[in-house]
Amino acid sequence: MKVIYEDNHLLVVNKPTKLATMGATGQPTLHGLACDYLRRVYNKPNRVYLGVVSRLDSMTSGVIVFARTSKAASRLTPQFANHSGDGAKKTYLAIVEGQVQSQEGILVDEMYKDEASHRMRVAPHPRPDSKTAKLEYRQLRSQQNATVLEVKPLTGRKHQIRLQWSEQGHPILGDRKYSANANWPSGIALHSWKLSIVHPTLKERMNFEAEPPSCWDRFWR
């Protein structure tokens, strides 16, 4: 876990892959590592407060923010529910299988949770338990049989980027859950690249960025 930024209200880190944000019973979590970091650096042997205001899938790497005070948490949480105006703005990097034809575009799908198979699915038509998922993208480069994309989710659905690109016939490299054929060295080829939020007390927009892991080198650098 690499610390990108910290002050009295925020802790922004670069999350490695294969690490749950929180809630993984009997296994290390990003939240646990971040709490250990605060105890060690600030010499606080007892419990420390660290609010989870958004999450990343365990197989995804990249920038994520924690709230160091309850006031910060109460002001940050609504930002992640609002994807316009003063809301949080996320930009991901994704490497998908095959050659994406369009240089840029928008994907819109109806998504619902398949409880039996523990995954999200796309519905051909709206249904009572489905929600609209929307993202915009542009190509950054293509290499061999893969395309590197910049992806900006315009809604905040679970596994949205993973499922929507799988439905396009371009699953994310390494994402076996959503039909990938190609392997990936660690986790999947999805990285939370940039995060923009309004600081909970300063009221100024702040921008954070995390470079992808070294296994991206041949596609990215």
C-alpha atoms as a PDB file:
ATOM      1  CA  MET A   1       0.000   0.000   0.000  1.00  0.00           C
ATOM      2  CA  LYS A   2       1.510   3.315  -1.124  1.00  0.00           C
ATOM      3  CA  VAL A   3       0.311   6.565   0.447  1.00  0.00           C
ATOM      4  CA  ILE A   4      -0.430   9.220  -2.187  1.00  0.00           C
ATOM      5  CA  TYR A   5      -1.716  12.008   0.096  1.00  0.00           C
ATOM      6  CA  GLU A   6      -2.739  12.532   3.700  1.00  0.00           C
ATOM      7  CA  ASP A   7      -3.900  15.329   5.972  1.00  0.00           C
ATOM      8  CA  ASN A   8      -6.080  15.535   9.085  1.00  0.00           C
ATOM      9  CA  HIS A   9      -9.186  14.552   7.102  1.00  0.00           C
ATOM     10  CA  LEU A  10      -8.055  12.321   4.230  1.00  0.00           C
ATOM     11  CA  LEU A  11      -5.873   9.323   3.525  1.00  0.00           C
ATOM     12  CA  VAL A  12      -5.414   8.595  -0.184  1.00  0.00           C
ATOM     13  CA  VAL A  13      -3.589   5.402  -1.154  1.00  0.00           C
ATOM     14  CA  ASN A  14      -2.676   3.295  -4.168  1.00  0.00           C
ATOM     15  CA  LYS A  15      -4.297  -0.096  -3.606  1.00  0.00           C
ATOM     16  CA  PRO A  16      -2.526  -3.238  -4.844  1.00  0.00           C
ATOM     17  CA  THR A  17      -4.447  -6.061  -6.512  1.00  0.00           C
ATOM     18  CA  LYS A  18      -5.699  -9.187  -4.703  1.00  0.00           C
ATOM     19  CA  LEU A  19      -6.596  -7.164  -1.616  1.00  0.00           C
ATOM     20  CA  ALA A  20     -10.174  -6.477  -0.533  1.00  0.00           C
ATOM     21  CA  THR A  21     -10.999  -2.935   0.525  1.00  0.00           C
ATOM     22  CA  MET A  22     -12.621  -4.273   3.694  1.00  0.00           C
ATOM     23  CA  GLY A  23     -14.707  -7.129   5.056  1.00  0.00           C
ATOM     24  CA  ALA A  24     -12.559 -10.123   4.036  1.00  0.00           C
ATOM     25  CA  THR A  25     -12.801 -12.460   7.025  1.00  0.00           C
ATOM     26  CA  GLY A  26      -9.464 -13.902   8.116  1.00  0.00           C
ATOM     27  CA  GLN A  27      -7.518 -12.105   5.386  1.00  0.00           C
ATOM     28  CA  PRO A  28      -5.661  -8.779   5.213  1.00  0.00           C
ATOM     29  CA  THR A  29      -7.688  -5.843   3.892  1.00  0.00           C
ATOM     30  CA  LEU A  30      -6.732  -2.420   2.612  1.00  0.00           C
ATOM     31  CA  HIS A  31      -8.683  -0.826   5.471  1.00  0.00           C
ATOM     32  CA  GLY A  32      -6.748  -2.900   7.998  1.00  0.00           C
ATOM     33  CA  LEU A  33      -3.386  -2.004   6.449  1.00  0.00           C
ATOM     34  CA  ALA A  34      -4.321   1.673   6.392  1.00  0.00           C
ATOM     35  CA  CYS A  35      -5.342   1.581  10.074  1.00  0.00           C
ATOM     36  CA  ASP A  36      -2.035  -0.108  10.940  1.00  0.00           C
ATOM     37  CA  TYR A  37      -0.208   2.610   9.028  1.00  0.00           C
ATOM     38  CA  LEU A  38      -1.937   5.392  11.000  1.00  0.00           C
ATOM     39  CA  ARG A  39      -1.273   3.664  14.334  1.00  0.00           C
ATOM     40  CA  ARG A  40       2.393   3.260  13.482  1.00  0.00           C
ATOM     41  CA  VAL A  41       3.064   6.699  11.993  1.00  0.00           C
ATOM     42  CA  TYR A  42       1.092   8.678  14.562  1.00  0.00           C
ATOM     43  CA  ASN A  43       1.917   6.450  17.538  1.00  0.00           C
ATOM     44  CA  LYS A  44      -1.706   5.570  18.297  1.00  0.00           C
ATOM     45  CA  PRO A  45      -1.708   2.105  19.893  1.00  0.00           C
ATOM     46  CA  ASN A  46      -5.500   1.951  20.222  1.00  0.00           C
ATOM     47  CA  ARG A  47      -8.212   1.944  17.595  1.00  0.00           C
ATOM     48  CA  VAL A  48      -8.138   4.668  14.950  1.00  0.00           C
ATOM     49  CA  TYR A  49     -11.068   5.967  12.957  1.00  0.00           C
ATOM     50  CA  LEU A  50     -10.923   5.410   9.208  1.00  0.00           C
ATOM     51  CA  GLY A  51     -14.133   5.707   7.223  1.00  0.00           C
ATOM     52  CA  VAL A  52     -14.699   3.758   4.006  1.00  0.00           C
ATOM     53  CA  VAL A  53     -16.457   6.109   1.566  1.00  0.00           C
ATOM     54  CA  SER A  54     -15.927   4.043  -1.611  1.00  0.00           C
ATOM     55  CA  ARG A  55     -14.502   0.663  -2.566  1.00  0.00           C
ATOM     56  CA  LEU A  56     -12.464  -1.049  -5.245  1.00  0.00           C
ATOM     57  CA  ASP A  57     -12.854  -4.709  -6.204  1.00  0.00           C
ATOM     58  CA  SER A  58     -10.170  -6.927  -4.709  1.00  0.00           C
ATOM     59  CA  MET A  59      -8.819  -7.698  -8.209  1.00  0.00           C
ATOM     60  CA  THR A  60      -8.564  -3.988  -9.108  1.00  0.00           C
ATOM     61  CA  SER A  61      -5.646  -1.702  -8.257  1.00  0.00           C
ATOM     62  CA  GLY A  62      -5.371   2.039  -7.934  1.00  0.00           C
ATOM     63  CA  VAL A  63      -6.256   5.241  -6.131  1.00  0.00           C
ATOM     64  CA  ILE A  64      -8.826   5.180  -3.323  1.00  0.00           C
ATOM     65  CA  VAL A  65      -9.617   7.619  -0.521  1.00  0.00           C
ATOM     66  CA  PHE A  66     -10.450   7.013   3.151  1.00  0.00           C
ATOM     67  CA  ALA A  67     -11.930   9.540   5.584  1.00  0.00           C
ATOM     68  CA  ARG A  68      -9.920  10.159   8.771  1.00  0.00           C
ATOM     69  CA  THR A  69     -12.806  11.849  10.605  1.00  0.00           C
ATOM     70  CA  SER A  70     -16.539  11.202  10.799  1.00  0.00           C
ATOM     71  CA  LYS A  71     -17.160  14.733   9.488  1.00  0.00           C
ATOM     72  CA  ALA A  72     -15.040  13.980   6.419  1.00  0.00           C
ATOM     73  CA  ALA A  73     -16.871  10.683   5.891  1.00  0.00           C
ATOM     74  CA  SER A  74     -20.298  12.350   6.040  1.00  0.00           C
ATOM     75  CA  ARG A  75     -19.221  14.895   3.419  1.00  0.00           C
ATOM     76  CA  LEU A  76     -17.372  12.507   1.124  1.00  0.00           C
ATOM     77  CA  THR A  77     -19.967   9.724   0.980  1.00  0.00           C
ATOM     78  CA  PRO A  78     -22.568  11.793  -0.936  1.00  0.00           C
ATOM     79  CA  GLN A  79     -19.902  12.727  -3.485  1.00  0.00           C
ATOM     80  CA  PHE A  80     -19.531   9.075  -4.478  1.00  0.00           C
ATOM     81  CA  ALA A  81     -23.288   8.795  -4.968  1.00  0.00           C
ATOM     82  CA  ASN A  82     -23.265  11.834  -7.264  1.00  0.00           C
ATOM     83  CA  HIS A  83     -21.481  11.432 -10.605  1.00  0.00           C
ATOM     84  CA  SER A  84     -21.990  14.993 -11.840  1.00  0.00           C
ATOM     85  CA  GLY A  85     -21.414  18.528 -10.589  1.00  0.00           C
ATOM     86  CA  ASP A  86     -19.679  18.434  -7.220  1.00  0.00           C
ATOM     87  CA  GLY A  87     -19.600  14.640  -7.160  1.00  0.00           C
ATOM     88  CA  ALA A  88     -16.499  12.448  -7.149  1.00  0.00           C
ATOM     89  CA  LYS A  89     -15.043  11.827 -10.598  1.00  0.00           C
ATOM     90  CA  LYS A  90     -13.237   8.561 -11.332  1.00  0.00           C
ATOM     91  CA  THR A  91     -11.069   7.651 -14.297  1.00  0.00           C
ATOM     92  CA  TYR A  92      -9.939   4.064 -14.847  1.00  0.00           C
ATOM     93  CA  LEU A  93      -7.447   2.405 -17.137  1.00  0.00           C
ATOM     94  CA  ALA A  94      -8.572  -0.895 -18.643  1.00  0.00           C
ATOM     95  CA  ILE A  95      -6.892  -3.305 -21.027  1.00  0.00           C
ATOM     96  CA  VAL A  96      -9.478  -5.329 -22.914  1.00  0.00           C
ATOM     97  CA  GLU A  97      -9.184  -8.284 -25.246  1.00  0.00           C
ATOM     98  CA  GLY A  98      -9.277  -7.617 -28.989  1.00  0.00           C
ATOM     99  CA  GLN A  99      -9.343  -4.453 -31.058  1.00  0.00           C
ATOM    100  CA  VAL A 100     -12.082  -2.006 -30.061  1.00  0.00           C
ATOM    101  CA  GLN A 101     -13.367  -0.437 -33.274  1.00  0.00           C
ATOM    102  CA  SER A 102     -14.558   2.969 -32.046  1.00  0.00           C
ATOM    103  CA  GLN A 103     -11.987   5.491 -30.835  1.00  0.00           C
ATOM    104  CA  GLU A 104     -14.398   6.797 -28.217  1.00  0.00           C
ATOM    105  CA  GLY A 105     -17.994   6.331 -27.166  1.00  0.00           C
ATOM    106  CA  ILE A 106     -20.575   5.665 -24.462  1.00  0.00           C
ATOM    107  CA  LEU A 107     -21.895   2.303 -23.258  1.00  0.00           C
ATOM    108  CA  VAL A 108     -25.353   2.051 -21.669  1.00  0.00           C
ATOM    109  CA  ASP A 109     -26.780  -1.180 -20.233  1.00  0.00           C
ATOM    110  CA  GLU A 110     -29.386  -2.416 -17.781  1.00  0.00           C
ATOM    111  CA  MET A 111     -27.631  -4.386 -15.019  1.00  0.00           C
ATOM    112  CA  TYR A 112     -28.966  -6.678 -12.319  1.00  0.00           C
ATOM    113  CA  LYS A 113     -27.481  -8.992  -9.714  1.00  0.00           C
ATOM    114  CA  ASP A 114     -27.639 -12.743 -10.315  1.00  0.00           C
ATOM    115  CA  GLU A 115     -27.696 -13.977  -6.732  1.00  0.00           C
ATOM    116  CA  ALA A 116     -27.337 -17.647  -7.671  1.00  0.00           C
ATOM    117  CA  SER A 117     -24.073 -17.164  -9.559  1.00  0.00           C
ATOM    118  CA  HIS A 118     -22.757 -14.257  -7.437  1.00  0.00           C
ATOM    119  CA  ARG A 119     -22.213 -11.971 -10.415  1.00  0.00           C
ATOM    120  CA  MET A 120     -23.809  -9.080 -12.257  1.00  0.00           C
ATOM    121  CA  ARG A 121     -25.610  -9.536 -15.566  1.00  0.00           C
ATOM    122  CA  VAL A 122     -26.979  -7.364 -18.360  1.00  0.00           C
ATOM    123  CA  ALA A 123     -30.715  -7.481 -19.043  1.00  0.00           C
ATOM    124  CA  PRO A 124     -31.896  -7.059 -22.652  1.00  0.00           C
ATOM    125  CA  HIS A 125     -34.741  -4.880 -21.364  1.00  0.00           C
ATOM    126  CA  PRO A 126     -35.330  -2.960 -18.117  1.00  0.00           C
ATOM    127  CA  ARG A 127     -36.674  -5.119 -15.298  1.00  0.00           C
ATOM    128  CA  PRO A 128     -37.779  -4.377 -11.707  1.00  0.00           C
ATOM    129  CA  ASP A 129     -34.398  -5.298 -10.198  1.00  0.00           C
ATOM    130  CA  SER A 130     -32.179  -3.730 -12.882  1.00  0.00           C
ATOM    131  CA  LYS A 131     -30.389  -0.388 -12.854  1.00  0.00           C
ATOM    132  CA  THR A 132     -28.973   1.635 -15.722  1.00  0.00           C
ATOM    133  CA  ALA A 133     -25.185   1.530 -16.077  1.00  0.00           C
ATOM    134  CA  LYS A 134     -23.443   4.155 -18.185  1.00  0.00           C
ATOM    135  CA  LEU A 135     -19.790   4.837 -18.968  1.00  0.00           C
ATOM    136  CA  GLU A 136     -17.763   6.789 -21.475  1.00  0.00           C
ATOM    137  CA  TYR A 137     -14.458   5.712 -22.934  1.00  0.00           C
ATOM    138  CA  ARG A 138     -11.684   6.586 -25.349  1.00  0.00           C
ATOM    139  CA  GLN A 139      -8.862   4.532 -26.778  1.00  0.00           C
ATOM    140  CA  LEU A 140      -5.357   5.331 -25.611  1.00  0.00           C
ATOM    141  CA  ARG A 141      -3.479   2.711 -27.617  1.00  0.00           C
ATOM    142  CA  SER A 142      -3.719  -0.764 -29.070  1.00  0.00           C
ATOM    143  CA  GLN A 143      -1.082  -3.464 -29.063  1.00  0.00           C
ATOM    144  CA  GLN A 144      -1.157  -7.034 -30.329  1.00  0.00           C
ATOM    145  CA  ASN A 145      -4.661  -8.310 -29.594  1.00  0.00           C
ATOM    146  CA  ALA A 146      -5.551  -5.861 -26.845  1.00  0.00           C
ATOM    147  CA  THR A 147      -6.765  -2.279 -26.454  1.00  0.00           C
ATOM    148  CA  VAL A 148      -5.885   0.157 -23.664  1.00  0.00           C
ATOM    149  CA  LEU A 149      -8.858   2.321 -22.691  1.00  0.00           C
ATOM    150  CA  GLU A 150      -9.523   5.327 -20.515  1.00  0.00           C
ATOM    151  CA  VAL A 151     -12.889   4.682 -18.882  1.00  0.00           C
ATOM    152  CA  LYS A 152     -15.058   7.123 -16.926  1.00  0.00           C
ATOM    153  CA  PRO A 153     -18.072   5.555 -15.195  1.00  0.00           C
ATOM    154  CA  LEU A 154     -21.083   7.875 -15.237  1.00  0.00           C
ATOM    155  CA  THR A 155     -22.962   5.638 -12.794  1.00  0.00           C
ATOM    156  CA  GLY A 156     -21.680   3.611  -9.861  1.00  0.00           C
ATOM    157  CA  ARG A 157     -22.864   0.054 -10.436  1.00  0.00           C
ATOM    158  CA  LYS A 158     -21.064  -2.978  -9.038  1.00  0.00           C
ATOM    159  CA  HIS A 159     -18.646  -4.558 -11.570  1.00  0.00           C
ATOM    160  CA  GLN A 160     -19.939  -2.065 -14.124  1.00  0.00           C
ATOM    161  CA  ILE A 161     -16.794  -1.650 -16.220  1.00  0.00           C
ATOM    162  CA  ARG A 162     -16.014  -5.357 -16.108  1.00  0.00           C
ATOM    163  CA  LEU A 163     -19.487  -6.462 -17.186  1.00  0.00           C
ATOM    164  CA  GLN A 164     -20.149  -3.790 -19.798  1.00  0.00           C
ATOM    165  CA  TRP A 165     -16.926  -4.510 -21.688  1.00  0.00           C
ATOM    166  CA  SER A 166     -17.492  -8.244 -21.443  1.00  0.00           C
ATOM    167  CA  GLU A 167     -20.896  -7.721 -23.041  1.00  0.00           C
ATOM    168  CA  GLN A 168     -19.181  -5.871 -25.889  1.00  0.00           C
ATOM    169  CA  GLY A 169     -17.053  -8.951 -26.551  1.00  0.00           C
ATOM    170  CA  HIS A 170     -13.977  -7.270 -25.074  1.00  0.00           C
ATOM    171  CA  PRO A 171     -13.526  -8.628 -21.531  1.00  0.00           C
ATOM    172  CA  ILE A 172     -10.808  -7.164 -19.344  1.00  0.00           C
ATOM    173  CA  LEU A 173      -7.580  -9.168 -19.421  1.00  0.00           C
ATOM    174  CA  GLY A 174      -7.463 -11.724 -16.610  1.00  0.00           C
ATOM    175  CA  ASP A 175     -11.139 -11.294 -15.667  1.00  0.00           C
ATOM    176  CA  ARG A 176     -12.257 -14.934 -15.729  1.00  0.00           C
ATOM    177  CA  LYS A 177     -15.474 -14.066 -13.889  1.00  0.00           C
ATOM    178  CA  TYR A 178     -16.579 -12.061 -16.905  1.00  0.00           C
ATOM    179  CA  SER A 179     -15.428 -14.338 -19.735  1.00  0.00           C
ATOM    180  CA  ALA A 180     -11.779 -13.326 -20.257  1.00  0.00           C
ATOM    181  CA  ASN A 181      -9.563 -15.762 -22.123  1.00  0.00           C
ATOM    182  CA  ALA A 182      -6.252 -13.928 -21.718  1.00  0.00           C
ATOM    183  CA  ASN A 183      -4.224 -14.229 -18.530  1.00  0.00           C
ATOM    184  CA  TRP A 184      -2.971 -11.315 -16.441  1.00  0.00           C
ATOM    185  CA  PRO A 185      -0.036 -11.491 -13.987  1.00  0.00           C
ATOM    186  CA  SER A 186      -1.895 -10.114 -10.935  1.00  0.00           C
ATOM    187  CA  GLY A 187      -5.586  -9.471 -10.469  1.00  0.00           C
ATOM    188  CA  ILE A 188      -7.183  -8.061 -13.616  1.00  0.00           C
ATOM    189  CA  ALA A 189      -6.133  -5.300 -16.033  1.00  0.00           C
ATOM    190  CA  LEU A 190      -8.339  -2.652 -14.428  1.00  0.00           C
ATOM    191  CA  HIS A 191      -6.768   0.238 -12.551  1.00  0.00           C
ATOM    192  CA  SER A 192      -8.261   3.219 -10.740  1.00  0.00           C
ATOM    193  CA  TRP A 193      -6.061   5.829 -12.390  1.00  0.00           C
ATOM    194  CA  LYS A 194      -7.407   9.212 -11.330  1.00  0.00           C
ATOM    195  CA  LEU A 195      -9.758  10.420  -8.616  1.00  0.00           C
ATOM    196  CA  SER A 196     -11.152  13.927  -8.206  1.00  0.00           C
ATOM    197  CA  ILE A 197     -13.031  14.957  -5.049  1.00  0.00           C
ATOM    198  CA  VAL A 198     -14.006  18.138  -3.227  1.00  0.00           C
ATOM    199  CA  HIS A 199     -12.037  18.355   0.029  1.00  0.00           C
ATOM    200  CA  PRO A 200     -14.479  17.920   2.941  1.00  0.00           C
ATOM    201  CA  THR A 201     -13.319  21.012   4.853  1.00  0.00           C
ATOM    202  CA  LEU A 202     -11.333  23.153   2.398  1.00  0.00           C
ATOM    203  CA  LYS A 203     -14.154  22.880  -0.182  1.00  0.00           C
ATOM    204  CA  GLU A 204     -11.561  22.817  -2.955  1.00  0.00           C
ATOM    205  CA  ARG A 205     -11.459  20.187  -5.688  1.00  0.00           C
ATOM    206  CA  MET A 206      -8.432  17.936  -5.355  1.00  0.00           C
ATOM    207  CA  ASN A 207      -7.057  15.555  -7.969  1.00  0.00           C
ATOM    208  CA  PHE A 208      -5.112  12.378  -7.256  1.00  0.00           C
ATOM    209  CA  GLU A 209      -3.399   9.933  -9.599  1.00  0.00           C
ATOM    210  CA  ALA A 210      -1.847   6.471  -9.213  1.00  0.00           C
ATOM    211  CA  GLU A 211       0.425   4.889 -11.800  1.00  0.00           C
ATOM    212  CA  PRO A 212      -0.545   1.312 -12.716  1.00  0.00           C
ATOM    213  CA  PRO A 213       1.453  -1.664 -11.390  1.00  0.00           C
ATOM    214  CA  SER A 214       4.667  -2.772 -13.104  1.00  0.00           C
ATOM    215  CA  CYS A 215       2.865  -5.636 -14.876  1.00  0.00           C
ATOM    216  CA  TRP A 216       1.277  -2.934 -17.093  1.00  0.00           C
ATOM    217  CA  ASP A 217       4.678  -1.826 -18.423  1.00  0.00           C
ATOM    218  CA  ARG A 218       4.575  -3.388 -21.873  1.00  0.00           C
ATOM    219  CA  PHE A 219       1.150  -1.852 -22.544  1.00  0.00           C
ATOM    220  CA  TRP A 220       1.413   1.424 -20.710  1.00  0.00           C
ATOM    221  CA  ARG A 221       4.911   2.866 -20.364  1.00  0.00           C
END
